[in-house]
């Protein structure tokens, strides 16, 4: 997996955690859900990259 992809995927995950936390603090369920979605997106991308790496090795 390219280092840039790793950074982008981790950034999606961290952005999602920040949004989820902000949503909790503001009692904003929509923002919380968006944050959880961003985290899932980042995790799925990371998993996909790990699978690609496994087949390369």
N, C-alpha and C. Protein backbone atom coordinates (compact mmCIF):
# COMPACT_ATOMS: atom_id res chain seq x y z
N UNK A 1 0.85 -1.17 0.00
CA UNK A 1 0.00 0.00 0.00
C UNK A 1 0.90 1.22 0.00
N UNK A 2 0.56 2.15 -0.83
CA UNK A 2 1.33 3.38 -0.90
C UNK A 2 1.17 4.18 0.39
N UNK A 3 2.24 4.81 0.79
CA UNK A 3 2.22 5.57 2.03
C UNK A 3 1.16 6.68 1.99
N UNK A 4 1.02 7.32 0.85
CA UNK A 4 0.01 8.37 0.71
C UNK A 4 -1.39 7.83 0.93
N UNK A 5 -1.67 6.63 0.43
CA UNK A 5 -2.98 6.01 0.64
C UNK A 5 -3.20 5.71 2.12
N UNK A 6 -2.17 5.22 2.79
CA UNK A 6 -2.28 4.93 4.22
C UNK A 6 -2.63 6.20 4.99
N UNK A 7 -1.96 7.27 4.65
CA UNK A 7 -2.20 8.54 5.33
C UNK A 7 -3.62 9.03 5.06
N UNK A 8 -4.06 8.96 3.81
CA UNK A 8 -5.41 9.40 3.45
C UNK A 8 -6.47 8.57 4.18
N UNK A 9 -6.27 7.26 4.23
CA UNK A 9 -7.24 6.40 4.88
C UNK A 9 -7.30 6.65 6.38
N UNK A 10 -6.16 6.84 6.99
CA UNK A 10 -6.11 7.13 8.42
C UNK A 10 -6.73 8.50 8.69
N UNK A 11 -6.50 9.45 7.78
CA UNK A 11 -7.08 10.79 7.93
C UNK A 11 -8.60 10.71 7.90
N UNK A 12 -9.17 9.88 7.01
CA UNK A 12 -10.62 9.69 6.97
C UNK A 12 -11.12 9.17 8.31
N UNK A 13 -10.40 8.20 8.85
CA UNK A 13 -10.81 7.62 10.13
C UNK A 13 -10.76 8.67 11.25
N UNK A 14 -9.67 9.41 11.32
CA UNK A 14 -9.52 10.42 12.37
C UNK A 14 -10.52 11.57 12.21
N UNK A 15 -10.77 11.95 10.97
CA UNK A 15 -11.77 12.99 10.71
C UNK A 15 -13.14 12.52 11.20
N UNK A 16 -13.43 11.25 10.96
CA UNK A 16 -14.69 10.68 11.40
C UNK A 16 -14.82 10.67 12.91
N UNK A 17 -13.73 10.33 13.60
CA UNK A 17 -13.76 10.33 15.07
C UNK A 17 -14.00 11.75 15.60
N UNK A 18 -13.37 12.72 14.96
CA UNK A 18 -13.55 14.11 15.38
C UNK A 18 -15.00 14.55 15.17
N UNK A 19 -15.57 14.20 14.02
CA UNK A 19 -16.96 14.56 13.74
C UNK A 19 -17.90 13.88 14.72
N UNK A 20 -17.64 12.61 15.00
CA UNK A 20 -18.50 11.89 15.94
C UNK A 20 -18.46 12.54 17.32
N UNK A 21 -17.25 12.89 17.77
CA UNK A 21 -17.10 13.53 19.08
C UNK A 21 -17.80 14.89 19.10
N UNK A 22 -17.61 15.65 18.04
CA UNK A 22 -18.27 16.97 17.96
C UNK A 22 -19.79 16.80 17.98
N UNK A 23 -20.28 15.79 17.28
CA UNK A 23 -21.71 15.53 17.26
C UNK A 23 -22.24 15.18 18.64
N UNK A 24 -21.47 14.39 19.39
CA UNK A 24 -21.88 14.04 20.75
C UNK A 24 -21.91 15.27 21.63
N UNK A 25 -20.89 16.10 21.53
CA UNK A 25 -20.82 17.30 22.36
C UNK A 25 -21.94 18.28 22.04
N UNK A 26 -22.33 18.35 20.76
CA UNK A 26 -23.36 19.28 20.33
C UNK A 26 -24.74 18.64 20.31
N UNK A 27 -24.82 17.38 20.71
CA UNK A 27 -26.07 16.61 20.66
C UNK A 27 -26.66 16.64 19.25
N UNK A 28 -25.78 16.45 18.26
CA UNK A 28 -26.14 16.47 16.85
C UNK A 28 -26.00 15.05 16.29
N UNK A 29 -27.14 14.35 16.23
CA UNK A 29 -27.11 12.96 15.79
C UNK A 29 -26.66 12.81 14.34
N UNK A 30 -26.99 13.77 13.50
CA UNK A 30 -26.59 13.72 12.09
C UNK A 30 -25.06 13.80 11.96
N UNK A 31 -24.45 14.69 12.71
CA UNK A 31 -22.99 14.83 12.67
C UNK A 31 -22.32 13.57 13.23
N UNK A 32 -22.91 13.00 14.28
CA UNK A 32 -22.39 11.75 14.83
C UNK A 32 -22.41 10.64 13.78
N UNK A 33 -23.54 10.52 13.11
CA UNK A 33 -23.68 9.47 12.09
C UNK A 33 -22.71 9.70 10.94
N UNK A 34 -22.53 10.94 10.54
CA UNK A 34 -21.59 11.25 9.47
C UNK A 34 -20.17 10.87 9.90
N UNK A 35 -19.84 11.14 11.15
CA UNK A 35 -18.53 10.78 11.67
C UNK A 35 -18.31 9.28 11.68
N UNK A 36 -19.32 8.54 12.10
CA UNK A 36 -19.21 7.09 12.10
C UNK A 36 -19.03 6.57 10.67
N UNK A 37 -19.75 7.18 9.73
CA UNK A 37 -19.62 6.79 8.32
C UNK A 37 -18.22 7.03 7.78
N UNK A 38 -17.64 8.17 8.15
CA UNK A 38 -16.27 8.48 7.72
C UNK A 38 -15.28 7.46 8.28
N UNK A 39 -15.51 7.06 9.53
CA UNK A 39 -14.63 6.07 10.15
C UNK A 39 -14.72 4.73 9.43
N UNK A 40 -15.93 4.33 9.13
CA UNK A 40 -16.13 3.06 8.41
C UNK A 40 -15.47 3.12 7.04
N UNK A 41 -15.66 4.24 6.36
CA UNK A 41 -15.06 4.41 5.03
C UNK A 41 -13.54 4.27 5.11
N UNK A 42 -12.92 4.90 6.09
CA UNK A 42 -11.48 4.81 6.25
C UNK A 42 -11.04 3.39 6.57
N UNK A 43 -11.79 2.72 7.43
CA UNK A 43 -11.44 1.35 7.80
C UNK A 43 -11.60 0.38 6.63
N UNK A 44 -12.65 0.56 5.84
CA UNK A 44 -12.86 -0.31 4.68
C UNK A 44 -11.74 -0.12 3.67
N UNK A 45 -11.35 1.12 3.44
CA UNK A 45 -10.25 1.39 2.51
C UNK A 45 -8.96 0.75 2.99
N UNK A 46 -8.70 0.85 4.29
CA UNK A 46 -7.49 0.24 4.84
C UNK A 46 -7.52 -1.27 4.67
N UNK A 47 -8.67 -1.88 4.92
CA UNK A 47 -8.80 -3.33 4.77
C UNK A 47 -8.58 -3.73 3.32
N UNK A 48 -9.13 -2.98 2.39
CA UNK A 48 -8.95 -3.27 0.97
C UNK A 48 -7.50 -3.20 0.56
N UNK A 49 -6.80 -2.21 1.06
CA UNK A 49 -5.39 -2.06 0.74
C UNK A 49 -4.58 -3.22 1.33
N UNK A 50 -4.95 -3.67 2.53
CA UNK A 50 -4.23 -4.79 3.15
C UNK A 50 -4.44 -6.07 2.34
N UNK A 51 -5.64 -6.25 1.80
CA UNK A 51 -5.91 -7.42 0.97
C UNK A 51 -5.06 -7.36 -0.30
N UNK A 52 -5.01 -6.18 -0.92
CA UNK A 52 -4.17 -6.02 -2.11
C UNK A 52 -2.72 -6.34 -1.79
N UNK A 53 -2.23 -5.84 -0.66
CA UNK A 53 -0.86 -6.10 -0.26
C UNK A 53 -0.60 -7.59 -0.05
N UNK A 54 -1.57 -8.30 0.51
CA UNK A 54 -1.42 -9.73 0.77
C UNK A 54 -1.24 -10.50 -0.54
N UNK A 55 -1.96 -10.08 -1.59
CA UNK A 55 -1.85 -10.77 -2.87
C UNK A 55 -0.57 -10.41 -3.62
N UNK A 56 0.00 -9.26 -3.31
CA UNK A 56 1.26 -8.86 -3.93
C UNK A 56 2.43 -9.64 -3.36
N UNK A 57 2.34 -9.96 -2.06
CA UNK A 57 3.46 -10.60 -1.36
C UNK A 57 3.49 -12.04 -1.51
